[in-house]
Amino acid sequence: MAASAVALLSVAALACGCTGTRPAPADAAYGVPIQINTPQGLRAKQTMDMLNSDWPIGENGVRTLAAPQVVEAVGVTLDRMWWDRPFTVTSLDVGAGSATLHVLTSYGVGQTIELRTDDAGMVDRFSAELVPPRITSWPDVDTELTKSGARYSYQVAKVTDGRCTKVAGTNTEMSLPLASIFKLYVLYALSDAVKAGTVAWTDPLTITAEAKAVGSSGFDKLPPGATVTVRDAAQQMISASDNMATDLLIERMGPGAIEHALVAAGHHDPASMTPFPTMHELFSVGWGEPNLREQWKQATPAGRAKLLQQTNARPYEPDPQRTHMPASDIGAEWYASAADICRLHAALQQGATGEAAPVRDILSVVPGIDLDRTQWPYIGAKAGNLPGDLTFSWYAEDRTGQGWVVSMQTNWSQYRSPTAASWLLSIARQMFGMVAPR
């Protein structure tokens, strides 16, 4: 997965935290038995023991596995994978000083782990690669997504004159978490404001310490008091999923502008997203201190609106114990359906005229997917990533000029590692392949 795809994902600007235990597989070697009578076999078994342990991956443990010069790199790889435990070994290839483990994550995604041992029996080369599924039909998409255990939707739709016509999809009317795809509604509101003359692309926005607290990948080095233009903030909101930029734009326009955008862009239930929460408000409820989750879970819609408002009286303070805990299970997310996402992308493109023409460029700076650009000369994209929620969406035009919207929403009860994003992107690439002009 290209770095550009990663840039699309809102990492929620949360620091590493702890996790609860998960069901551990029996030692029956997590599937296929691993013989430990060779150094490479021993290290293969140790690797699986570490990945399937409820103890987080730590440097001291990695030093017992890997040679000094690769400890850091091996540790980073194992730590990233560890969140997808328990792993099951489906097969094992042992060679001279090397071993290849074929494994499945807890949600059924294949990976290949390759390791090599040195003369001292320590790992001096280590890699883990995704095994992309083979997708040749729409039922294949459903098979892959279903076996992952996720609640999901996907849709592939043609866009003609601003209207979506579904070509394929499942659960396309189901309301599911958007994660950072919601920022497209902010962009739609901005597009309208620019055309109405109430906001200009060159207007300055002032960075504050409170706004920076929710995370800023695009403007992280700028101090409070510095200014950025509306145009630059919009670009970073989309291409880098900049949370601070998002809240600065919402503050500039007012939440009512985004609530109007929900209606204008065809959201199936605008009332469910009213009042429209800012990043600060929702992060405070889902991952902040004090812990408001139980109050949110029990609150009426009016009570939730009050809780959101109350968060604005204090700075956002992330709770490291809940960094990787999904909040969508208590309804603390932004929601829409695949059909809503298609209407939103179509509306953004149709409205990108006159003063709002830069919207097309803003959406396409980071395509977020590796496609043949001779087949797909224009790709606009927005994706999202919050604990348990991975979402992708694209508006693309093929070489004939036909517009398409492709979207995927997945929702789990647990955090998933970047492997899940790479797996979904591998499926999406093949979905585009099935509708590319011949």
Protein backbone atom coordinates (compact mmCIF):
# COMPACT_ATOMS: atom_id res chain seq x y z
CA MET A 1 0.00 0.00 0.00
CA ALA A 2 1.45 3.30 -1.04
CA ALA A 3 2.18 6.01 1.49
CA SER A 4 -0.49 8.05 -0.25
CA ALA A 5 -3.14 5.59 0.86
CA VAL A 6 -1.90 5.77 4.42
CA ALA A 7 -2.12 9.56 4.26
CA LEU A 8 -5.84 9.27 3.63
CA LEU A 9 -6.45 7.45 6.82
CA SER A 10 -7.29 9.47 9.94
CA VAL A 11 -5.16 7.83 12.58
CA ALA A 12 -7.08 9.76 15.22
CA ALA A 13 -3.86 11.26 16.63
CA LEU A 14 -3.97 8.86 19.54
CA ALA A 15 -0.95 7.44 21.32
CA CYS A 16 -0.33 3.76 21.95
CA GLY A 17 -2.40 2.21 24.73
CA CYS A 18 -3.21 -1.08 26.36
CA THR A 19 -5.63 -3.74 25.27
CA GLY A 20 -7.73 -6.48 26.77
CA THR A 21 -7.05 -10.16 26.41
CA ARG A 22 -8.25 -12.12 23.42
CA PRO A 23 -8.92 -15.82 23.03
CA ALA A 24 -5.52 -17.46 22.58
CA PRO A 25 -5.14 -20.51 20.37
CA ALA A 26 -3.99 -23.72 21.99
CA ASP A 27 -0.28 -24.45 21.75
CA ALA A 28 -1.07 -27.07 19.12
CA ALA A 29 1.22 -24.65 17.39
CA TYR A 30 -1.57 -22.29 16.41
CA GLY A 31 -2.47 -24.56 13.52
CA VAL A 32 0.31 -26.44 11.76
CA PRO A 33 2.92 -27.70 14.31
CA ILE A 34 6.31 -25.98 14.25
CA GLN A 35 9.34 -28.18 14.94
CA ILE A 36 11.98 -26.44 17.05
CA ASN A 37 14.96 -28.72 16.38
CA THR A 38 16.61 -26.12 14.11
CA PRO A 39 17.44 -22.45 14.81
CA GLN A 40 15.04 -21.29 12.13
CA GLY A 41 12.27 -23.54 13.45
CA LEU A 42 12.88 -22.29 16.97
CA ARG A 43 12.68 -18.66 15.82
CA ALA A 44 9.54 -19.36 13.80
CA LYS A 45 7.89 -20.81 16.91
CA GLN A 46 9.13 -17.90 19.03
CA THR A 47 7.69 -15.46 16.50
CA MET A 48 4.26 -17.06 16.75
CA ASP A 49 4.46 -17.18 20.54
CA MET A 50 5.17 -13.46 20.63
CA LEU A 51 2.43 -12.59 18.12
CA ASN A 52 -0.18 -14.64 19.97
CA SER A 53 0.73 -13.47 23.47
CA ASP A 54 -1.43 -10.95 25.30
CA TRP A 55 1.79 -9.26 26.40
CA PRO A 56 2.56 -6.33 24.09
CA ILE A 57 5.64 -6.64 21.91
CA GLY A 58 8.58 -5.06 23.74
CA GLU A 59 12.20 -4.39 22.88
CA ASN A 60 13.53 -6.78 25.53
CA GLY A 61 11.54 -9.64 24.04
CA VAL A 62 12.59 -8.78 20.51
CA ARG A 63 16.26 -8.83 21.58
CA THR A 64 15.87 -12.53 22.42
CA LEU A 65 14.67 -13.15 18.85
CA ALA A 66 16.58 -10.84 16.54
CA ALA A 67 20.17 -9.82 15.88
CA PRO A 68 21.04 -6.35 17.28
CA GLN A 69 21.09 -4.58 13.91
CA VAL A 70 17.48 -5.57 13.11
CA VAL A 71 15.89 -5.39 16.58
CA GLU A 72 14.15 -2.07 15.90
CA ALA A 73 12.80 -3.05 12.46
CA VAL A 74 11.62 -6.47 13.64
CA GLY A 75 10.00 -4.90 16.70
CA VAL A 76 8.06 -2.39 14.61
CA THR A 77 6.78 -5.14 12.30
CA LEU A 78 5.77 -7.46 15.14
CA ASP A 79 4.09 -4.66 17.08
CA ARG A 80 2.02 -3.69 14.06
CA MET A 81 0.99 -7.31 13.47
CA TRP A 82 0.30 -8.10 17.13
CA TRP A 83 -3.01 -6.24 17.11
CA ASP A 84 -4.41 -8.82 14.67
CA ARG A 85 -3.88 -11.80 16.98
CA PRO A 86 -4.52 -14.66 17.34
CA PHE A 87 -2.75 -15.89 14.22
CA THR A 88 -3.14 -19.36 12.76
CA VAL A 89 -0.31 -21.09 10.90
CA THR A 90 -1.66 -22.74 7.75
CA SER A 91 1.68 -24.04 6.46
CA LEU A 92 5.41 -23.79 7.13
CA ASP A 93 8.39 -24.03 4.79
CA VAL A 94 11.78 -24.59 6.42
CA GLY A 95 14.94 -24.11 4.38
CA ALA A 96 18.64 -23.77 5.09
CA GLY A 97 18.79 -21.05 7.72
CA SER A 98 15.34 -19.76 6.81
CA ALA A 99 11.66 -20.32 7.48
CA THR A 100 8.49 -19.12 5.79
CA LEU A 101 5.27 -19.04 7.80
CA HIS A 102 1.94 -18.86 6.01
CA VAL A 103 -0.54 -17.43 8.50
CA LEU A 104 -4.06 -16.09 8.83
CA THR A 105 -4.98 -13.14 11.04
CA SER A 106 -7.84 -13.42 13.51
CA TYR A 107 -10.11 -12.02 10.78
CA GLY A 108 -9.00 -14.47 8.08
CA VAL A 109 -6.50 -12.40 6.08
CA GLY A 110 -3.46 -14.23 4.74
CA GLN A 111 0.11 -13.11 5.39
CA THR A 112 3.53 -14.59 4.68
CA ILE A 113 6.25 -14.19 7.31
CA GLU A 114 9.79 -14.84 6.10
CA LEU A 115 12.76 -15.02 8.44
CA ARG A 116 16.43 -15.88 8.13
CA THR A 117 18.82 -16.81 10.93
CA ASP A 118 22.52 -16.00 11.25
CA ASP A 119 25.36 -18.21 12.49
CA ALA A 120 24.37 -17.47 16.07
CA GLY A 121 20.82 -18.61 15.42
CA MET A 122 19.34 -15.11 15.69
CA VAL A 123 16.97 -13.59 13.14
CA ASP A 124 18.87 -11.21 10.86
CA ARG A 125 16.21 -10.81 8.18
CA PHE A 126 12.47 -10.56 8.79
CA SER A 127 9.52 -9.55 6.63
CA ALA A 128 5.76 -9.91 6.60
CA GLU A 129 3.72 -9.50 3.44
CA LEU A 130 0.02 -9.52 2.66
CA VAL A 131 -1.33 -12.36 0.54
CA PRO A 132 -3.93 -10.52 -1.57
CA PRO A 133 -7.16 -12.42 -2.19
CA ARG A 134 -8.13 -13.21 -5.76
CA ILE A 135 -11.28 -11.34 -6.77
CA THR A 136 -12.87 -12.21 -10.10
CA SER A 137 -16.56 -11.62 -9.34
CA TRP A 138 -18.79 -9.62 -7.01
CA PRO A 139 -19.60 -12.71 -4.91
CA ASP A 140 -15.85 -13.00 -4.28
CA VAL A 141 -15.96 -9.56 -2.64
CA ASP A 142 -18.75 -10.69 -0.33
CA THR A 143 -16.92 -13.92 0.51
CA GLU A 144 -13.80 -12.03 1.56
CA LEU A 145 -15.59 -9.38 3.59
CA THR A 146 -17.95 -11.88 5.23
CA LYS A 147 -15.19 -14.18 6.45
CA SER A 148 -13.50 -11.23 8.15
CA GLY A 149 -16.37 -11.01 10.62
CA ALA A 150 -16.90 -7.32 9.88
CA ARG A 151 -20.18 -5.54 9.44
CA TYR A 152 -19.69 -4.14 5.99
CA SER A 153 -21.02 -2.47 2.92
CA TYR A 154 -19.60 -1.87 -0.50
CA GLN A 155 -20.92 -0.32 -3.66
CA VAL A 156 -19.77 0.25 -7.22
CA ALA A 157 -21.95 2.77 -9.01
CA LYS A 158 -21.95 4.66 -12.29
CA VAL A 159 -22.40 8.41 -11.99
CA THR A 160 -24.22 10.16 -14.82
CA ASP A 161 -25.40 13.76 -14.60
CA GLY A 162 -24.88 13.70 -10.83
CA ARG A 163 -26.96 10.57 -10.28
CA CYS A 164 -25.74 7.18 -9.02
CA THR A 165 -26.74 3.89 -10.61
CA LYS A 166 -25.64 0.84 -8.64
CA VAL A 167 -23.70 -1.77 -10.61
CA ALA A 168 -22.79 -3.98 -7.66
CA GLY A 169 -22.92 -3.82 -3.89
CA THR A 170 -24.06 -5.26 -0.59
CA ASN A 171 -25.78 -3.51 2.32
CA THR A 172 -25.75 -0.29 0.31
CA GLU A 173 -28.54 1.30 2.41
CA MET A 174 -27.08 0.25 5.77
CA SER A 175 -25.86 3.13 7.93
CA LEU A 176 -22.30 2.36 9.01
CA PRO A 177 -19.40 4.36 10.48
CA LEU A 178 -17.76 6.79 8.08
CA ALA A 179 -14.61 7.60 10.04
CA SER A 180 -12.92 10.44 8.13
CA ILE A 181 -15.09 10.13 5.02
CA PHE A 182 -17.37 12.51 6.95
CA LYS A 183 -14.91 15.27 6.00
CA LEU A 184 -16.43 15.21 2.51
CA TYR A 185 -19.54 16.81 4.03
CA VAL A 186 -17.34 19.59 5.41
CA LEU A 187 -15.84 20.04 1.94
CA TYR A 188 -19.33 20.16 0.41
CA ALA A 189 -20.35 22.88 2.89
CA LEU A 190 -17.17 24.79 2.07
CA SER A 191 -17.85 24.51 -1.65
CA ASP A 192 -21.29 26.04 -1.12
CA ALA A 193 -19.89 28.80 1.11
CA VAL A 194 -17.25 29.75 -1.45
CA LYS A 195 -19.86 29.94 -4.21
CA ALA A 196 -22.11 32.03 -1.95
CA GLY A 197 -19.25 34.42 -1.22
CA THR A 198 -19.38 33.93 2.56
CA VAL A 199 -15.95 32.26 2.60
CA ALA A 200 -12.96 32.78 0.29
CA TRP A 201 -10.22 30.26 -0.43
CA THR A 202 -7.67 32.87 0.65
CA ASP A 203 -9.30 33.62 4.02
CA PRO A 204 -6.91 33.02 6.96
CA LEU A 205 -7.62 30.53 9.73
CA THR A 206 -5.78 30.89 13.04
CA ILE A 207 -4.26 27.81 14.65
CA THR A 208 -4.99 27.38 18.36
CA ALA A 209 -3.55 25.03 20.97
CA GLU A 210 -7.03 23.57 21.49
CA ALA A 211 -7.41 22.82 17.79
CA LYS A 212 -3.96 21.20 17.61
CA ALA A 213 -4.89 18.78 20.41
CA VAL A 214 -6.95 16.61 18.04
CA GLY A 215 -3.95 16.10 15.76
CA SER A 216 -2.55 17.84 12.72
CA SER A 217 -0.51 15.83 10.25
CA GLY A 218 -0.32 18.68 7.76
CA PHE A 219 0.33 21.65 10.06
CA ASP A 220 1.88 19.96 13.09
CA LYS A 221 4.99 22.18 13.03
CA LEU A 222 3.05 25.45 13.02
CA PRO A 223 2.64 27.10 16.45
CA PRO A 224 -0.59 28.44 17.92
CA GLY A 225 -1.22 31.88 16.47
CA ALA A 226 0.04 30.94 13.02
CA THR A 227 -2.42 31.17 10.15
CA VAL A 228 -3.24 28.96 7.18
CA THR A 229 -5.55 29.67 4.27
CA VAL A 230 -8.94 28.05 3.84
CA ARG A 231 -7.62 26.46 0.63
CA ASP A 232 -4.63 24.89 2.37
CA ALA A 233 -6.78 23.71 5.28
CA ALA A 234 -9.23 22.07 2.89
CA GLN A 235 -6.39 20.36 1.06
CA GLN A 236 -4.89 18.96 4.25
CA MET A 237 -8.31 17.90 5.54
CA ILE A 238 -8.76 15.69 2.48
CA SER A 239 -5.28 14.55 1.45
CA ALA A 240 -3.76 14.16 4.94
CA SER A 241 -7.05 13.78 6.86
CA ASP A 242 -5.90 16.64 9.08
CA ASN A 243 -8.17 16.77 12.11
CA MET A 244 -7.21 20.27 13.22
CA ALA A 245 -7.85 21.67 9.75
CA THR A 246 -11.28 20.03 9.79
CA ASP A 247 -12.28 21.70 13.05
CA LEU A 248 -10.93 25.08 11.91
CA LEU A 249 -13.11 24.87 8.81
CA ILE A 250 -16.19 23.79 10.78
CA GLU A 251 -15.60 26.69 13.19
CA ARG A 252 -15.26 29.12 10.27
CA MET A 253 -18.56 28.04 8.70
CA GLY A 254 -20.49 26.91 11.79
CA PRO A 255 -21.94 23.42 12.37
CA GLY A 256 -25.19 24.50 10.74
CA ALA A 257 -23.43 24.70 7.38
CA ILE A 258 -22.44 21.05 7.59
CA GLU A 259 -25.93 20.08 8.73
CA HIS A 260 -27.28 21.84 5.63
CA ALA A 261 -24.73 19.94 3.53
CA LEU A 262 -26.11 16.63 4.84
CA VAL A 263 -29.50 17.55 3.40
CA ALA A 264 -28.21 19.05 0.16
CA ALA A 265 -25.92 16.09 -0.57
CA GLY A 266 -28.68 13.55 0.00
CA HIS A 267 -27.85 11.93 3.37
CA HIS A 268 -30.62 9.45 4.14
CA ASP A 269 -31.12 10.70 7.74
CA PRO A 270 -29.63 14.15 8.40
CA ALA A 271 -31.30 14.30 11.82
CA SER A 272 -29.12 11.41 13.00
CA MET A 273 -26.04 13.59 12.46
CA THR A 274 -27.50 16.73 14.03
CA PRO A 275 -25.93 18.45 15.87
CA PHE A 276 -22.95 17.69 13.66
CA PRO A 277 -20.02 16.80 15.96
CA THR A 278 -16.60 18.34 15.53
CA MET A 279 -13.43 16.28 15.85
CA HIS A 280 -12.86 17.78 19.30
CA GLU A 281 -16.35 16.86 20.47
CA LEU A 282 -16.41 13.28 19.21
CA PHE A 283 -12.82 12.52 20.21
CA SER A 284 -13.58 13.84 23.70
CA VAL A 285 -16.52 11.45 23.99
CA GLY A 286 -14.79 8.44 22.45
CA TRP A 287 -11.18 8.68 23.57
CA GLY A 288 -10.84 11.59 25.97
CA GLU A 289 -10.62 12.24 29.68
CA PRO A 290 -12.89 12.25 31.58
CA ASN A 291 -14.43 9.02 30.28
CA LEU A 292 -17.86 9.93 28.90
CA ARG A 293 -18.61 6.65 27.15
CA GLU A 294 -21.16 5.32 29.62
CA GLN A 295 -22.98 8.65 29.78
CA TRP A 296 -23.04 8.79 25.98
CA LYS A 297 -24.28 5.22 25.72
CA GLN A 298 -27.20 5.89 28.08
CA ALA A 299 -28.07 9.39 26.85
CA THR A 300 -31.04 10.41 24.73
CA PRO A 301 -30.35 12.35 21.51
CA ALA A 302 -30.86 15.58 23.47
CA GLY A 303 -28.53 14.32 26.18
CA ARG A 304 -25.87 13.47 23.62
CA ALA A 305 -26.13 16.94 22.11
CA LYS A 306 -25.57 18.39 25.59
CA LEU A 307 -22.54 16.13 26.17
CA LEU A 308 -21.00 17.25 22.89
CA GLN A 309 -21.47 20.89 23.87
CA GLN A 310 -19.97 20.32 27.32
CA THR A 311 -16.72 19.01 25.83
CA ASN A 312 -16.03 22.46 24.40
CA ALA A 313 -15.49 23.81 27.91
CA ARG A 314 -12.22 21.87 28.27
CA PRO A 315 -9.22 20.90 26.13
CA TYR A 316 -9.13 17.47 24.53
CA GLU A 317 -7.05 15.13 26.71
CA PRO A 318 -6.60 11.67 25.17
CA ASP A 319 -6.92 8.67 27.47
CA PRO A 320 -4.04 6.29 26.60
CA GLN A 321 -5.98 3.34 28.00
CA ARG A 322 -8.63 3.68 25.29
CA THR A 323 -6.46 4.50 22.28
CA HIS A 324 -7.35 1.32 20.40
CA MET A 325 -10.90 0.89 21.72
CA PRO A 326 -13.67 1.34 19.13
CA ALA A 327 -16.29 3.96 19.98
CA SER A 328 -18.68 3.02 17.19
CA ASP A 329 -20.10 0.28 19.42
CA ILE A 330 -21.66 3.05 21.54
CA GLY A 331 -22.63 5.15 18.54
CA ALA A 332 -19.83 7.71 18.86
CA GLU A 333 -19.01 8.08 15.17
CA TRP A 334 -20.20 9.79 12.01
CA TYR A 335 -22.59 7.61 10.01
CA ALA A 336 -23.85 7.18 6.45
CA SER A 337 -24.61 4.45 3.93
CA ALA A 338 -22.84 3.47 0.73
CA ALA A 339 -25.70 5.09 -1.18
CA ASP A 340 -25.12 8.31 0.81
CA ILE A 341 -21.40 8.22 -0.01
CA CYS A 342 -22.12 7.90 -3.72
CA ARG A 343 -24.57 10.81 -3.67
CA LEU A 344 -22.03 12.90 -1.74
CA HIS A 345 -19.18 12.26 -4.19
CA ALA A 346 -21.49 12.91 -7.13
CA ALA A 347 -22.71 16.17 -5.58
CA LEU A 348 -19.15 17.36 -4.90
CA GLN A 349 -18.13 16.76 -8.51
CA GLN A 350 -21.26 18.33 -9.94
CA GLY A 351 -20.82 21.39 -7.75
CA ALA A 352 -17.11 21.86 -8.54
CA THR A 353 -17.68 24.78 -10.90
CA GLY A 354 -16.91 28.49 -10.85
CA GLU A 355 -15.34 29.56 -7.56
CA ALA A 356 -15.69 25.96 -6.29
CA ALA A 357 -13.69 24.46 -9.18
CA PRO A 358 -10.65 23.75 -6.93
CA VAL A 359 -12.69 21.01 -5.21
CA ARG A 360 -11.80 18.57 -8.01
CA ASP A 361 -8.11 19.21 -7.47
CA ILE A 362 -8.40 19.02 -3.69
CA LEU A 363 -9.99 15.57 -3.94
CA SER A 364 -7.45 14.19 -6.41
CA VAL A 365 -4.09 15.22 -4.92
CA VAL A 366 -3.83 11.87 -3.12
CA PRO A 367 -5.64 9.13 -5.10
CA GLY A 368 -5.17 6.61 -2.33
CA ILE A 369 -5.04 3.63 -4.67
CA ASP A 370 -2.62 2.34 -7.27
CA LEU A 371 -4.53 2.14 -10.56
CA ASP A 372 -3.50 2.36 -14.22
CA ARG A 373 -3.80 6.10 -14.81
CA THR A 374 -4.26 5.60 -18.55
CA GLN A 375 -7.46 3.73 -17.65
CA TRP A 376 -8.39 6.02 -14.75
CA PRO A 377 -7.10 9.54 -15.54
CA TYR A 378 -9.02 11.18 -12.67
CA ILE A 379 -9.28 9.76 -9.15
CA GLY A 380 -10.74 11.70 -6.22
CA ALA A 381 -10.54 9.99 -2.86
CA LYS A 382 -11.33 10.08 0.84
CA ALA A 383 -10.84 7.29 3.34
CA GLY A 384 -11.03 6.93 7.09
CA ASN A 385 -9.56 4.96 9.97
CA LEU A 386 -10.75 4.94 13.55
CA PRO A 387 -10.43 2.00 15.96
CA GLY A 388 -12.57 -0.81 14.54
CA ASP A 389 -13.65 1.25 11.53
CA LEU A 390 -11.93 1.24 8.13
CA THR A 391 -13.53 3.08 5.22
CA PHE A 392 -12.59 3.91 1.64
CA SER A 393 -14.28 5.92 -1.09
CA TRP A 394 -13.36 7.09 -4.56
CA TYR A 395 -14.91 9.08 -7.36
CA ALA A 396 -13.02 8.09 -10.51
CA GLU A 397 -13.44 8.78 -14.21
CA ASP A 398 -12.38 6.12 -16.67
CA ARG A 399 -10.70 6.89 -20.01
CA THR A 400 -14.11 7.20 -21.70
CA GLY A 401 -15.13 9.94 -19.23
CA GLN A 402 -17.59 7.74 -17.34
CA GLY A 403 -17.75 8.59 -13.64
CA TRP A 404 -17.76 5.87 -10.97
CA VAL A 405 -18.02 5.82 -7.20
CA VAL A 406 -16.50 2.88 -5.35
CA SER A 407 -16.84 2.66 -1.58
CA MET A 408 -16.16 0.18 1.21
CA GLN A 409 -17.11 0.45 4.89
CA THR A 410 -15.99 -2.11 7.47
CA ASN A 411 -16.79 -2.17 11.17
CA TRP A 412 -15.32 -4.53 13.78
CA SER A 413 -15.61 -4.69 17.56
CA GLN A 414 -11.80 -4.52 17.80
CA TYR A 415 -8.98 -2.39 16.44
CA ARG A 416 -7.39 -3.70 13.24
CA SER A 417 -3.80 -3.12 12.14
CA PRO A 418 -2.71 -1.51 8.84
CA THR A 419 -2.81 -5.03 7.37
CA ALA A 420 -6.59 -4.72 7.18
CA ALA A 421 -6.30 -1.51 5.17
CA SER A 422 -3.86 -3.12 2.74
CA TRP A 423 -6.20 -6.10 2.37
CA LEU A 424 -9.20 -3.87 1.63
CA LEU A 425 -7.19 -1.88 -0.90
CA SER A 426 -6.17 -5.09 -2.66
CA ILE A 427 -9.87 -5.93 -3.00
CA ALA A 428 -10.74 -2.42 -4.18
CA ARG A 429 -8.08 -2.50 -6.92
CA GLN A 430 -9.64 -5.65 -8.31
CA MET A 431 -13.13 -4.13 -8.06
CA PHE A 432 -11.96 -1.27 -10.27
CA GLY A 433 -10.49 -3.85 -12.62
CA MET A 434 -13.90 -5.47 -13.07
CA VAL A 435 -15.47 -2.22 -14.34
CA ALA A 436 -12.53 -0.73 -16.25
CA PRO A 437 -13.29 -0.14 -19.95
CA ARG A 438 -12.11 -2.97 -22.20
